Protein backbone atom coordinates (compact mmCIF):
# COMPACT_ATOMS: atom_id res chain seq x y z
CA MET A 1 13.67 14.76 -28.60
CA GLY A 2 14.96 11.64 -26.81
CA GLN A 3 18.05 10.05 -27.53
CA THR A 4 20.72 7.63 -26.25
CA PRO A 5 20.35 7.13 -22.55
CA LEU A 6 23.60 8.59 -20.82
CA TYR A 7 24.07 5.20 -18.79
CA PRO A 8 24.48 1.61 -19.52
CA HIS A 9 20.70 0.33 -19.02
CA ASP A 10 20.95 -3.58 -19.98
CA ALA A 11 21.13 -4.47 -16.24
CA PHE A 12 17.62 -3.04 -15.42
CA ILE A 13 15.52 -4.91 -18.03
CA TYR A 14 13.55 -7.64 -16.79
CA ASP A 15 13.95 -10.79 -18.77
CA GLY A 16 13.09 -14.00 -16.20
CA GLY A 17 9.66 -15.34 -15.19
CA ALA A 18 7.85 -18.68 -15.47
CA ALA A 19 5.86 -20.32 -17.94
CA PRO A 20 1.99 -20.24 -17.39
CA ALA A 21 0.03 -23.23 -15.82
CA SER A 22 -2.32 -24.87 -18.15
CA ILE A 23 -6.05 -23.67 -18.37
CA GLN A 24 -8.89 -25.93 -17.79
CA PRO A 25 -11.34 -25.62 -20.64
CA ASP A 26 -14.46 -26.36 -18.49
CA LEU A 27 -14.03 -23.17 -16.50
CA PRO A 28 -16.66 -20.35 -16.34
CA ILE A 29 -16.55 -17.44 -18.74
CA VAL A 30 -17.85 -14.11 -17.62
CA ASP A 31 -19.43 -11.15 -20.12
CA LEU A 32 -17.83 -7.83 -19.67
CA GLY A 33 -19.54 -6.49 -22.46
CA TYR A 34 -16.09 -4.85 -23.97
CA GLU A 35 -14.46 -8.67 -23.60
CA LEU A 36 -15.31 -12.08 -22.37
CA HIS A 37 -13.13 -13.54 -19.25
CA GLN A 38 -12.61 -17.29 -18.73
CA ALA A 39 -11.37 -18.60 -14.92
CA PHE A 40 -7.61 -19.07 -15.20
CA SER A 41 -7.92 -21.99 -12.34
CA LEU A 42 -9.96 -23.69 -10.15
CA ASP A 43 -8.31 -24.20 -6.80
CA GLU A 44 -9.31 -27.21 -5.24
CA THR A 45 -8.43 -26.81 -1.82
CA THR A 46 -10.04 -23.89 -1.04
CA GLN A 47 -12.87 -24.23 -3.94
CA THR A 48 -12.15 -20.88 -5.12
CA TYR A 49 -12.18 -19.40 -9.37
CA ASN A 50 -9.41 -17.47 -10.08
CA PHE A 51 -10.00 -14.69 -12.77
CA SER A 52 -6.76 -13.47 -13.55
CA ASN A 53 -5.11 -10.61 -15.17
CA ILE A 54 -8.58 -8.98 -16.30
CA ARG A 55 -7.85 -5.80 -17.86
CA TYR A 56 -9.40 -2.80 -16.69
CA ALA A 57 -7.90 0.17 -18.41
CA ALA A 58 -6.31 0.72 -22.09
CA PRO A 59 -2.50 0.24 -22.24
CA PRO A 60 -0.83 3.58 -20.80
CA THR A 61 1.69 3.58 -23.72
CA GLY A 62 2.74 5.82 -26.06
CA SER A 63 0.45 9.32 -25.78
CA LEU A 64 -1.06 7.74 -22.67
CA ARG A 65 2.38 7.09 -20.82
CA PHE A 66 2.05 9.67 -17.50
CA ARG A 67 -1.29 10.25 -18.22
CA PRO A 68 -4.52 9.21 -16.24
CA PRO A 69 -6.00 5.86 -17.60
CA VAL A 70 -9.10 5.22 -19.66
CA PRO A 71 -11.20 2.49 -20.28
CA PRO A 72 -10.33 -0.46 -22.10
CA GLU A 73 -11.69 -0.70 -26.11
CA GLN A 74 -13.64 -3.76 -26.84
CA ASN A 75 -12.06 -6.45 -27.74
CA ARG A 76 -14.85 -9.77 -28.13
CA THR A 77 -12.73 -11.50 -31.15
CA VAL A 78 -11.27 -14.12 -28.31
CA VAL A 79 -11.91 -15.25 -24.87
CA GLN A 80 -9.43 -13.99 -22.54
CA ASN A 81 -8.04 -16.13 -19.79
CA GLY A 82 -5.34 -14.33 -18.08
CA ALA A 83 -2.72 -16.61 -18.88
CA GLN A 84 -0.40 -14.00 -19.43
CA GLY A 85 1.00 -12.31 -16.17
CA ARG A 86 1.56 -8.59 -15.81
CA VAL A 87 3.62 -6.41 -13.36
CA CYS A 88 3.84 -3.17 -13.87
CA PRO A 89 7.60 -1.53 -14.06
CA GLN A 90 9.38 -1.07 -10.81
CA GLY A 91 12.85 -0.55 -9.41
CA ALA A 92 14.76 -1.88 -6.32
CA LEU A 93 16.10 0.50 -3.78
CA VAL A 94 20.23 0.23 -2.79
CA TRP A 95 19.35 1.45 1.10
CA GLU A 96 16.58 -1.05 1.08
CA GLU A 97 18.30 -4.12 -0.72
CA GLU A 98 22.23 -3.53 0.60
CA ILE A 99 22.20 -1.49 3.73
CA MET A 100 18.67 -1.91 5.74
CA PRO A 101 18.62 -5.94 5.97
CA GLY A 102 22.15 -6.36 8.07
CA PHE A 103 21.57 -2.98 9.86
CA VAL A 104 17.99 -3.84 11.63
CA GLU A 105 19.41 -7.72 12.11
CA GLY A 106 22.50 -6.03 13.66
CA VAL A 107 20.17 -4.02 16.13
CA LEU A 108 17.80 -6.95 17.02
CA ASN A 109 20.65 -9.00 17.70
CA GLY A 110 22.66 -6.62 19.57
CA SER A 111 25.60 -6.90 17.59
CA ILE A 112 25.55 -3.30 16.30
CA SER A 113 25.66 -0.91 19.56
CA THR A 114 22.29 1.69 19.52
CA GLY A 115 24.54 4.38 21.39
CA SER A 116 27.91 4.28 18.96
CA ASP A 117 28.52 4.94 15.17
CA ALA A 118 31.64 2.76 15.54
CA SER A 119 30.03 -0.25 14.46
CA VAL A 120 27.15 0.87 11.97
CA PRO A 121 27.54 0.48 7.98
CA SER A 122 27.61 3.27 5.89
CA SER A 123 24.20 5.18 5.15
CA ALA A 124 25.45 6.55 2.20
CA VAL A 125 23.79 5.14 -1.02
CA GLY A 126 26.88 5.71 -3.20
CA ASP A 127 29.13 3.49 -1.28
CA TYR A 128 26.97 0.33 -2.23
CA PRO A 129 26.80 -1.22 -5.89
CA VAL A 130 23.31 -0.40 -7.48
CA VAL A 131 20.75 -3.25 -7.85
CA GLY A 132 18.19 -4.14 -10.33
CA PRO A 133 15.16 -5.18 -9.97
CA ALA A 134 15.18 -8.60 -10.11
CA GLY A 135 14.16 -10.49 -13.76
CA ASP A 136 10.35 -10.79 -14.62
CA ALA A 137 9.07 -11.60 -17.98
CA ARG A 138 5.85 -10.50 -16.49
CA VAL A 139 6.79 -6.96 -16.61
CA THR A 140 5.45 -4.38 -19.02
CA GLU A 141 3.88 -1.24 -19.37
CA ASP A 142 0.56 -2.72 -20.39
CA CYS A 143 -0.05 -3.52 -16.67
CA LEU A 144 -2.99 -2.08 -15.74
CA PHE A 145 -5.12 -5.43 -14.76
CA LEU A 146 -6.92 -7.23 -11.68
CA ASP A 147 -7.35 -10.71 -10.67
CA VAL A 148 -10.88 -11.69 -8.96
CA VAL A 149 -10.86 -14.50 -6.68
CA VAL A 150 -14.13 -16.20 -5.72
CA PRO A 151 -15.76 -19.20 -3.89
CA ARG A 152 -17.17 -21.20 -6.27
CA SER A 153 -20.36 -21.76 -4.38
CA VAL A 154 -20.75 -18.06 -4.35
CA PHE A 155 -20.06 -17.26 -8.15
CA GLU A 156 -22.50 -20.49 -8.73
CA ARG A 157 -25.42 -19.03 -6.65
CA ALA A 158 -24.91 -15.50 -8.02
CA ARG A 159 -25.27 -17.23 -12.02
CA LYS A 160 -28.56 -19.07 -10.39
CA GLU A 161 -30.04 -16.44 -8.68
CA ASP A 162 -29.18 -14.06 -12.21
CA GLU A 163 -31.02 -16.89 -14.17
CA ASN A 164 -34.06 -16.55 -11.79
CA ASP A 165 -34.10 -12.77 -11.94
CA GLY A 166 -33.05 -12.61 -8.56
CA ASN A 167 -33.12 -9.49 -6.25
CA GLY A 168 -28.99 -10.17 -5.81
CA GLU A 169 -29.40 -10.91 -1.85
CA SER A 170 -27.15 -13.63 -2.23
CA LEU A 171 -24.14 -11.49 -3.41
CA ALA A 172 -21.26 -11.84 -1.05
CA SER A 173 -19.29 -9.25 0.31
CA VAL A 174 -16.09 -7.78 -1.39
CA LEU A 175 -12.62 -7.04 -0.66
CA ILE A 176 -10.21 -5.03 -2.68
CA TRP A 177 -6.33 -5.33 -1.80
CA ILE A 178 -3.83 -2.33 -2.67
CA ASP A 179 -0.53 -3.69 -2.68
CA GLY A 180 2.47 -1.39 -0.86
CA GLY A 181 5.74 -1.23 -2.04
CA GLY A 182 6.78 2.31 -1.48
CA TYR A 183 4.85 3.28 -4.43
CA ILE A 184 7.90 2.23 -6.34
CA SER A 185 7.45 -1.86 -6.34
CA GLY A 186 5.20 -4.16 -5.84
CA ASP A 187 1.99 -6.35 -7.64
CA LYS A 188 -1.26 -7.39 -7.65
CA THR A 189 0.11 -11.37 -6.89
CA GLU A 190 2.61 -10.60 -3.90
CA GLN A 191 -0.23 -11.86 -1.51
CA ASP A 192 -1.97 -15.10 -1.84
CA PRO A 193 -5.28 -15.03 -0.33
CA SER A 194 -6.05 -18.37 -0.08
CA GLY A 195 -5.91 -18.73 3.67
CA LEU A 196 -8.03 -15.60 4.26
CA MET A 197 -10.63 -17.05 1.76
CA GLN A 198 -10.64 -20.21 3.95
CA ARG A 199 -11.13 -18.16 6.73
CA SER A 200 -13.92 -16.74 5.16
CA MET A 201 -15.80 -19.90 4.67
CA VAL A 202 -15.10 -21.77 8.03
CA ASP A 203 -18.44 -21.49 9.36
CA SER A 204 -20.13 -22.04 5.92
CA GLU A 205 -19.20 -21.93 2.48
CA GLU A 206 -22.08 -19.98 2.01
CA ASP A 207 -20.50 -17.19 3.78
CA GLY A 208 -17.07 -16.59 1.91
CA ILE A 209 -15.89 -13.22 0.03
CA VAL A 210 -15.18 -11.83 -3.06
CA TYR A 211 -11.52 -11.08 -3.54
CA VAL A 212 -9.86 -8.57 -6.00
CA ALA A 213 -6.38 -7.52 -5.99
CA ILE A 214 -5.19 -4.31 -8.86
CA ASN A 215 -2.31 -3.26 -10.29
CA TYR A 216 -1.15 0.51 -10.56
CA ARG A 217 1.37 2.30 -11.92
CA LEU A 218 4.76 2.85 -9.92
CA GLY A 219 7.59 4.41 -9.82
CA ALA A 220 7.88 7.44 -12.69
CA PHE A 221 5.50 5.66 -14.90
CA GLY A 222 2.81 6.56 -11.88
CA TRP A 223 4.01 9.39 -9.80
CA LEU A 224 5.71 11.45 -12.23
CA SER A 225 4.88 15.25 -11.52
CA ASP A 226 5.64 18.06 -13.86
CA GLY A 227 3.88 20.93 -11.94
CA ASN A 228 1.13 21.33 -14.87
CA GLY A 229 -1.65 18.54 -14.72
CA THR A 230 0.22 15.67 -15.08
CA ALA A 231 0.43 13.46 -11.28
CA ASN A 232 -0.67 10.90 -9.26
CA ALA A 233 -1.67 8.65 -12.62
CA GLY A 234 -1.32 5.83 -9.79
CA LEU A 235 -3.56 6.85 -8.20
CA GLN A 236 -6.17 7.63 -10.38
CA ASP A 237 -5.24 4.26 -11.68
CA GLN A 238 -6.44 2.79 -8.49
CA ARG A 239 -9.90 5.02 -8.81
CA LEU A 240 -10.39 3.32 -12.21
CA ALA A 241 -10.14 -0.15 -10.77
CA LEU A 242 -12.59 0.75 -7.81
CA GLU A 243 -14.71 2.03 -10.30
CA TRP A 244 -14.32 -1.23 -12.44
CA VAL A 245 -15.50 -3.65 -9.45
CA LYS A 246 -18.22 -1.45 -8.56
CA LYS A 247 -19.53 -1.73 -12.33
CA TYR A 248 -18.60 -5.46 -12.80
CA ILE A 249 -18.02 -7.39 -9.53
CA GLY A 250 -22.18 -8.34 -9.37
CA LEU A 251 -21.16 -11.03 -12.85
CA PHE A 252 -18.66 -12.81 -10.31
CA GLY A 253 -20.94 -12.93 -6.96
CA GLY A 254 -20.02 -10.12 -5.31
CA ASN A 255 -22.04 -7.12 -3.89
CA PRO A 256 -21.16 -3.80 -5.36
CA ASP A 257 -22.39 -2.22 -2.29
CA ARG A 258 -20.75 -3.75 0.55
CA ILE A 259 -17.29 -3.28 -0.70
CA THR A 260 -13.95 -2.88 1.54
CA LEU A 261 -10.58 -1.56 0.38
CA MET A 262 -7.70 -2.81 1.76
CA GLY A 263 -3.81 -2.03 1.74
CA GLU A 264 -0.79 -1.68 3.78
CA SER A 265 2.13 0.85 3.70
CA ALA A 266 2.21 2.63 0.60
CA GLY A 267 -1.45 0.95 -0.42
CA ALA A 268 -2.55 1.90 3.16
CA GLY A 269 -1.65 5.45 2.06
CA SER A 270 -3.23 5.25 -1.29
CA ILE A 271 -6.63 4.36 0.51
CA VAL A 272 -5.86 7.52 2.45
CA HIS A 273 -5.42 9.43 -0.75
CA GLN A 274 -8.44 8.03 -2.19
CA LEU A 275 -10.84 9.12 0.99
CA ALA A 276 -9.38 12.50 0.51
CA ALA A 277 -9.71 12.38 -3.62
CA TYR A 278 -11.44 15.70 -4.62
CA GLY A 279 -11.38 17.48 -1.32
CA GLY A 280 -13.32 14.61 0.29
CA ASN A 281 -16.74 15.21 -1.20
CA SER A 282 -18.68 14.12 -4.20
CA ALA A 283 -19.32 18.15 -5.12
CA ASP A 284 -15.90 18.08 -6.44
CA SER A 285 -16.18 14.48 -8.18
CA ASP A 286 -18.58 15.36 -10.72
CA GLY A 287 -21.13 13.90 -7.89
CA LYS A 288 -19.51 10.16 -8.15
CA ASP A 289 -19.85 8.58 -4.47
CA LEU A 290 -16.97 6.77 -3.36
CA PRO A 291 -16.47 3.16 -5.28
CA PHE A 292 -16.17 1.50 -1.62
CA ARG A 293 -17.82 1.76 2.01
CA GLN A 294 -15.06 0.61 4.16
CA ALA A 295 -11.93 0.45 4.44
CA ILE A 296 -9.26 -1.72 6.21
CA ILE A 297 -5.85 0.67 6.51
CA GLN A 298 -2.30 -1.33 8.13
CA SER A 299 0.53 1.29 8.80
CA PRO A 300 -0.24 3.86 5.95
CA MET A 301 2.89 5.82 4.97
CA TRP A 302 3.58 8.57 2.24
CA TYR A 303 5.86 11.35 2.64
CA PRO A 304 5.05 15.15 1.83
CA LEU A 305 6.91 15.49 -1.16
CA SER A 306 7.77 19.23 -2.07
CA VAL A 307 7.76 21.03 -5.16
CA THR A 308 11.34 20.98 -5.03
CA GLN A 309 11.66 17.39 -4.73
CA GLN A 310 9.09 16.88 -7.47
CA THR A 311 11.12 19.00 -10.10
CA SER A 312 14.35 17.27 -9.15
CA ALA A 313 12.85 13.86 -9.75
CA LEU A 314 11.20 14.56 -13.01
CA ASP A 315 14.32 16.48 -13.93
CA GLY A 316 16.71 13.48 -13.09
CA TYR A 317 14.54 10.84 -14.68
CA LEU A 318 14.23 13.23 -18.08
CA LYS A 319 18.38 13.44 -17.48
CA LEU A 320 18.60 9.83 -17.39
CA LEU A 321 16.51 9.30 -20.78
CA ASN A 322 18.58 12.69 -22.31
CA ALA A 323 15.04 13.83 -23.04
CA SER A 324 13.99 17.65 -22.44
CA SER A 325 10.41 16.97 -21.85
CA ILE A 326 7.77 14.36 -20.84
CA ASP A 327 6.38 14.55 -24.14
CA ASP A 328 9.99 13.56 -25.78
CA ALA A 329 9.86 10.54 -23.22
CA ARG A 330 6.50 9.56 -24.41
CA SER A 331 8.22 8.86 -27.73
CA LEU A 332 10.98 6.82 -26.01
CA PRO A 333 11.20 2.88 -26.67
CA SER A 334 9.39 0.89 -23.49
CA ASP A 335 12.96 -0.50 -22.65
CA GLN A 336 14.70 3.01 -21.99
CA LEU A 337 12.00 4.09 -19.92
CA ILE A 338 11.72 1.03 -17.67
CA ALA A 339 15.40 1.10 -17.00
CA ALA A 340 15.81 4.87 -16.35
CA ASN A 341 12.86 4.07 -13.66
CA ALA A 342 14.79 1.35 -12.32
CA TYR A 343 18.22 3.28 -12.15
CA GLN A 344 16.76 6.01 -10.38
CA ILE A 345 14.73 4.44 -8.06
CA ALA A 346 17.73 2.27 -7.25
CA THR A 347 19.82 5.33 -6.53
CA THR A 348 17.46 7.33 -4.26
CA PRO A 349 19.89 8.87 -2.21
CA VAL A 350 18.07 9.67 0.92
CA TYR A 351 18.07 6.28 3.07
CA GLY A 352 14.47 5.81 4.06
CA THR A 353 12.61 7.11 1.33
CA PHE A 354 11.21 6.30 -2.28
CA THR A 355 11.57 9.10 -4.50
CA TYR A 356 7.85 8.95 -5.87
CA GLY A 357 4.92 9.09 -4.18
CA PRO A 358 1.51 11.09 -3.87
CA VAL A 359 1.67 14.98 -4.50
CA ILE A 360 -0.51 17.93 -4.24
CA ASP A 361 -1.66 18.33 -7.57
CA GLY A 362 -5.03 20.91 -6.91
CA SER A 363 -7.32 18.33 -8.39
CA PHE A 364 -7.16 14.54 -7.46
CA VAL A 365 -5.42 15.85 -4.37
CA GLY A 366 -6.30 19.47 -3.46
CA ASP A 367 -4.31 19.64 -0.33
CA LEU A 368 -2.74 17.31 2.63
CA PRO A 369 -5.12 14.53 3.30
CA SER A 370 -5.01 15.26 6.73
CA LYS A 371 -6.44 18.81 6.25
CA ILE A 372 -9.37 17.14 3.89
CA LEU A 373 -10.07 14.66 6.45
CA LEU A 374 -10.36 16.81 9.39
CA ASP A 375 -11.95 19.34 7.79
CA PRO A 376 -15.64 19.72 9.04
CA ASN A 377 -17.25 19.42 5.24
CA PHE A 378 -15.38 16.03 4.96
CA GLU A 379 -18.53 14.13 3.47
CA TRP A 380 -17.57 10.63 4.11
CA GLN A 381 -17.52 10.33 8.08
CA ASP A 382 -19.56 7.73 8.15
CA LEU A 383 -17.42 5.20 6.67
CA ARG A 384 -16.30 2.56 8.77
CA LEU A 385 -12.55 2.08 9.40
CA MET A 386 -10.32 -0.46 11.14
CA THR A 387 -6.49 0.77 11.11
CA GLY A 388 -3.53 -0.18 12.85
CA HIS A 389 0.20 -0.23 12.80
CA THR A 390 3.49 -2.34 14.21
CA SER A 391 5.06 -1.34 17.32
CA ASN A 392 8.42 -1.10 15.54
CA GLU A 393 7.67 1.02 12.36
CA GLY A 394 10.23 3.25 12.14
CA LEU A 395 13.27 1.27 12.60
CA THR A 396 13.10 0.11 9.05
CA PHE A 397 13.42 3.57 7.73
CA THR A 398 15.84 4.63 10.33
CA PRO A 399 19.44 5.67 8.62
CA PRO A 400 22.76 3.93 10.51
CA THR A 401 23.95 7.23 11.24
CA GLY A 402 20.99 7.66 13.38
CA VAL A 403 22.87 5.81 16.03
CA SER A 404 24.27 9.28 16.77
CA SER A 405 22.84 12.24 18.31
CA SER A 406 24.29 14.66 16.21
CA ALA A 407 22.56 13.12 13.02
CA TYR A 408 19.41 13.74 14.49
CA SER A 409 18.73 17.34 12.92
CA THR A 410 20.49 16.55 9.56
CA ILE A 411 18.11 13.28 9.18
CA LEU A 412 15.10 15.18 9.80
CA HIS A 413 15.68 17.88 7.33
CA ASP A 414 16.74 14.97 5.04
CA PHE A 415 12.88 13.26 5.15
CA ILE A 416 10.99 16.81 5.33
CA PRO A 417 13.55 19.27 3.30
CA ASP A 418 10.44 22.30 3.50
CA ILE A 419 10.39 21.98 7.38
CA THR A 420 10.58 25.51 9.26
CA PRO A 421 13.42 25.88 11.75
CA GLY A 422 10.75 26.44 14.50
CA THR A 423 9.21 23.40 13.81
CA ALA A 424 12.39 21.66 13.43
CA GLU A 425 13.60 23.25 16.93
CA ASP A 426 10.07 22.26 18.54
CA ILE A 427 11.01 18.36 17.26
CA ALA A 428 14.12 18.44 18.23
CA GLN A 429 13.52 19.69 22.02
CA LYS A 430 10.20 19.61 22.97
CA PHE A 431 8.35 16.47 21.38
CA TYR A 432 11.58 14.43 20.78
CA PRO A 433 14.19 15.70 23.09
CA PRO A 434 17.58 13.93 23.38
CA SER A 435 17.71 10.86 25.25
CA SER A 436 19.81 12.57 27.69
CA ASN A 437 16.63 14.41 28.81
CA ALA A 438 15.00 12.90 31.74
CA SER A 439 11.62 13.17 30.08
CA ALA A 440 12.76 10.90 27.17
CA ALA A 441 12.38 7.75 29.15
CA ASP A 442 8.90 8.79 29.64
CA LEU A 443 8.77 8.54 25.46
CA GLY A 444 9.96 4.99 25.63
CA TYR A 445 13.62 5.52 24.11
CA ASP A 446 16.89 5.52 25.89
CA ASP A 447 19.34 6.22 22.92
CA ALA A 448 19.75 8.23 19.62
CA LEU A 449 18.62 5.53 17.40
CA GLY A 450 15.28 5.16 19.51
CA ARG A 451 14.63 8.54 19.54
CA LEU A 452 14.91 8.95 15.65
CA ALA A 453 12.61 5.68 15.37
CA LEU A 454 9.90 7.29 16.92
CA THR A 455 10.01 10.66 15.32
CA ILE A 456 9.73 8.33 12.25
CA SER A 457 7.16 6.20 13.47
CA ASP A 458 5.03 8.84 14.52
CA ALA A 459 5.59 11.50 11.42
CA PHE A 460 5.08 8.78 8.98
CA PHE A 461 2.58 5.94 10.37
CA ARG A 462 1.23 6.01 13.87
CA CYS A 463 -0.15 9.95 13.40
CA LYS A 464 -1.85 9.24 10.19
CA ASN A 465 -3.96 6.27 12.23
CA LEU A 466 -4.46 8.84 14.91
CA TYR A 467 -6.21 11.54 12.50
CA LEU A 468 -8.13 8.95 11.04
CA SER A 469 -9.90 7.73 14.28
CA THR A 470 -10.65 11.46 14.62
CA ALA A 471 -12.01 12.23 11.20
CA PHE A 472 -14.17 8.91 11.04
CA ASP A 473 -17.34 8.19 13.36
CA THR A 474 -16.28 4.58 13.54
CA THR A 475 -13.02 3.35 13.66
CA TYR A 476 -11.16 -0.06 15.07
CA ARG A 477 -7.69 0.32 16.15
CA TYR A 478 -4.56 -2.26 16.68
CA ILE A 479 -1.36 -2.34 17.41
CA PHE A 480 0.78 -5.43 16.50
CA ASN A 481 3.20 -6.26 18.40
CA VAL A 482 4.57 -9.49 18.09
CA PRO A 483 8.25 -8.97 18.33
CA PRO A 484 10.01 -7.48 16.65
CA GLY A 485 7.24 -5.77 15.69
CA LEU A 486 8.97 -4.21 12.10
CA HIS A 487 6.86 -2.64 9.30
CA SER A 488 4.60 -4.71 7.28
CA GLU A 489 5.11 -7.93 9.82
CA ASP A 490 1.57 -8.20 10.10
CA LEU A 491 1.28 -9.08 7.16
CA TYR A 492 2.35 -12.64 7.56
CA PHE A 493 -0.60 -12.78 9.79
CA THR A 494 -3.27 -11.22 7.61
CA PHE A 495 -2.42 -13.60 4.66
CA TYR A 496 -1.77 -16.89 6.96
CA ASP A 497 -2.33 -20.21 4.85
CA PRO A 498 -2.80 -22.95 6.96
CA VAL A 499 -1.87 -25.20 3.84
CA GLN A 500 1.61 -23.11 3.17
CA PRO A 501 2.46 -21.94 6.91
CA ASP A 502 4.88 -19.40 6.49
CA PRO A 503 7.57 -19.67 9.00
CA ARG A 504 7.36 -16.09 10.16
CA ILE A 505 4.16 -16.92 11.91
CA VAL A 506 5.28 -17.27 15.55
CA ASP A 507 1.41 -17.31 17.06
CA VAL A 508 -1.19 -19.08 14.60
CA ASP A 509 -3.98 -18.33 17.31
CA VAL A 510 -3.00 -14.65 16.52
CA ALA A 511 -2.91 -15.14 12.81
CA LEU A 512 -6.46 -16.75 12.84
CA ALA A 513 -8.18 -14.17 15.35
CA ILE A 514 -6.55 -11.43 13.09
CA GLN A 515 -8.22 -12.86 10.01
CA ASP A 516 -11.60 -13.66 11.67
CA TYR A 517 -11.45 -9.80 12.58
CA ILE A 518 -10.53 -8.96 9.16
CA VAL A 519 -13.26 -11.07 7.74
CA SER A 520 -16.45 -10.29 10.13
CA PHE A 521 -15.43 -6.50 9.59
CA VAL A 522 -15.71 -7.15 5.68
CA GLN A 523 -18.85 -9.15 5.98
CA ALA A 524 -20.90 -7.15 8.88
CA GLY A 525 -19.05 -4.06 9.50
CA GLN A 526 -18.03 -4.82 12.95
CA PRO A 527 -14.45 -7.03 13.88
CA SER A 528 -15.05 -10.05 15.97
CA SER A 529 -13.73 -13.60 16.58
CA SER A 530 -14.23 -16.57 18.38
CA ASN A 531 -11.00 -17.60 18.63
CA ALA A 532 -10.39 -18.32 22.23
CA ILE A 533 -7.32 -15.47 22.42
CA ALA A 534 -9.84 -12.87 21.03
CA THR A 535 -11.28 -10.59 22.67
CA ALA A 536 -14.29 -7.94 22.05
CA TRP A 537 -13.39 -5.31 19.92
CA LYS A 538 -14.77 -1.66 20.42
CA PRO A 539 -15.04 1.55 18.43
CA TYR A 540 -12.42 3.61 18.72
CA ARG A 541 -12.81 7.10 20.65
CA LEU A 542 -10.27 9.80 21.62
CA GLN A 543 -8.39 8.71 25.11
CA SER A 544 -9.80 5.00 24.54
CA GLY A 545 -8.29 1.81 24.03
CA VAL A 546 -6.66 -0.41 21.16
CA LEU A 547 -6.65 -3.63 20.57
CA LYS A 548 -2.88 -5.15 20.80
CA PHE A 549 -2.14 -8.12 19.39
CA GLN A 550 0.60 -10.13 20.88
CA PRO A 551 1.87 -13.60 21.15
CA SER A 552 -0.98 -15.95 22.98
CA ASP A 553 -2.80 -12.44 23.71
CA ILE A 554 -5.09 -10.09 22.39
CA SER A 555 -6.12 -7.25 24.78
CA SER A 556 -7.41 -3.69 24.81
CA VAL A 557 -4.78 -1.00 25.95
CA PRO A 558 -4.38 2.69 26.39
CA ASP A 559 -3.81 4.49 23.25
CA PRO A 560 0.10 4.99 22.96
CA VAL A 561 0.13 7.82 20.40
CA ASP A 562 0.28 11.07 21.62
CA ILE A 563 -2.35 13.61 20.37
CA ASP A 564 0.05 16.53 21.12
CA ARG A 565 2.69 15.44 19.02
CA CYS A 566 0.47 14.24 16.30
CA HIS A 567 -1.48 17.94 15.88
CA MET A 568 2.18 18.93 14.82
CA TRP A 569 2.67 16.03 12.60
CA TRP A 570 -0.60 16.53 10.81
CA LYS A 571 0.21 20.03 9.86
CA VAL A 572 4.04 18.80 8.43
CA THR A 573 3.56 15.35 7.21
CA GLY A 574 -0.11 15.08 6.10
């Protein structure tokens, strides 16, 4: 049985947070059958109702810890109003918090030489203080909740039609957001949809979309794998939430047959795994169809975690808890589990990685997604996708030691421990030769850091988008090239809010055009924009162009991602 943890954990317990705002008594109530839920607020600027913190699963605690979620039990004794915020337990990485910001800034401003290791900070996590996650009173294991934001006009129109026994033609298109965060951090409220909602109603309030954001379990709670059926609870949380939307969104004015799933980084990687779930066909999922028909996939990311890595993560977590098994861990107090998770995540030893994430489990994830999606029997080829990446994805995840060419092979093996010697040799000499090689210039780098950053970018981001374009009949591809084009910087533009503009938005026209493309894709399945700098966006075909977003210019350019390199990565990193 579990006993006292082996380290002082008080620093890793959340203890902050703001008090909830007051509730307006005249806000509408939706009857979900298992509960009654009232809107939390009406945004006077956007004229949207926010139905906050709707429970979509039973508390994943006690015997349900580390297991797939189950639907919520009935509770109609009181009207729920979502006043209590919910955030899943998570952690903050030492390498991401203490090392990466200064290193990336130094590379971008030239204070760190990319050709010498004399001025770079140490990449060793153990050389820095362990960081705990920011205090937040919303953090709880009972975190499987979602938010629904709907234009008032859409909600009221749907109610009126329902009262008159209408046929549902007035229901609005639905956009579901899955937050990123390396599978170890993040929550449904990190992105504010206000600007996107306004853009969806720019021509008429009748247009609008219904926006949904979901929580799913993170770190050990969502991804702990024991090799015996306990794995990918986070993915199964997402699937239950998607099925909830399919079942209930009509009550809010959303059309269950016009659902688009959108995510970035780990959120986008999650979508790829949802597409590949159960072997990519309904026969292996008890005849269930996909609970969405379109997807917007921004910088999809995950690492192919080996059996050795999964076992190591499990053993490390249990050791922190002084527990002998997952069953032992289920009986421990929540604060011990939360603290151990935060500590383990913080001390993730390999710079640029996250300890936890999706794994092949033989059931929900039967194989590498690339193999499933590229299989001729993949069933969902007719889904329409928007996919994209930033122009400088890899730098954020590139260890400072990468400035030295001698570190290349070591870092490659750190990221992909199971890589074969032959494949490693091909990567280091054929696909990404040293910067001293004449062919390196053709690949776009002239130093060791550029070589490693491109390798990471291709392996874990860009090549995933390319196989999506190969697997699906209709995809729209983009490159976000607003300098410096780092990982996730396109989110500032995706969620641009003209009422409270983010200072990192350097070109409002680009932001508005991106939002137009997203909204029109959600509503009509084809991205378009009337913005002055926008251009027509045609579906991607192999050897065809991709749309490039850059300051004051949006244009079609040849695809810069190399198909030969990607064929190799599809087999290695999924």
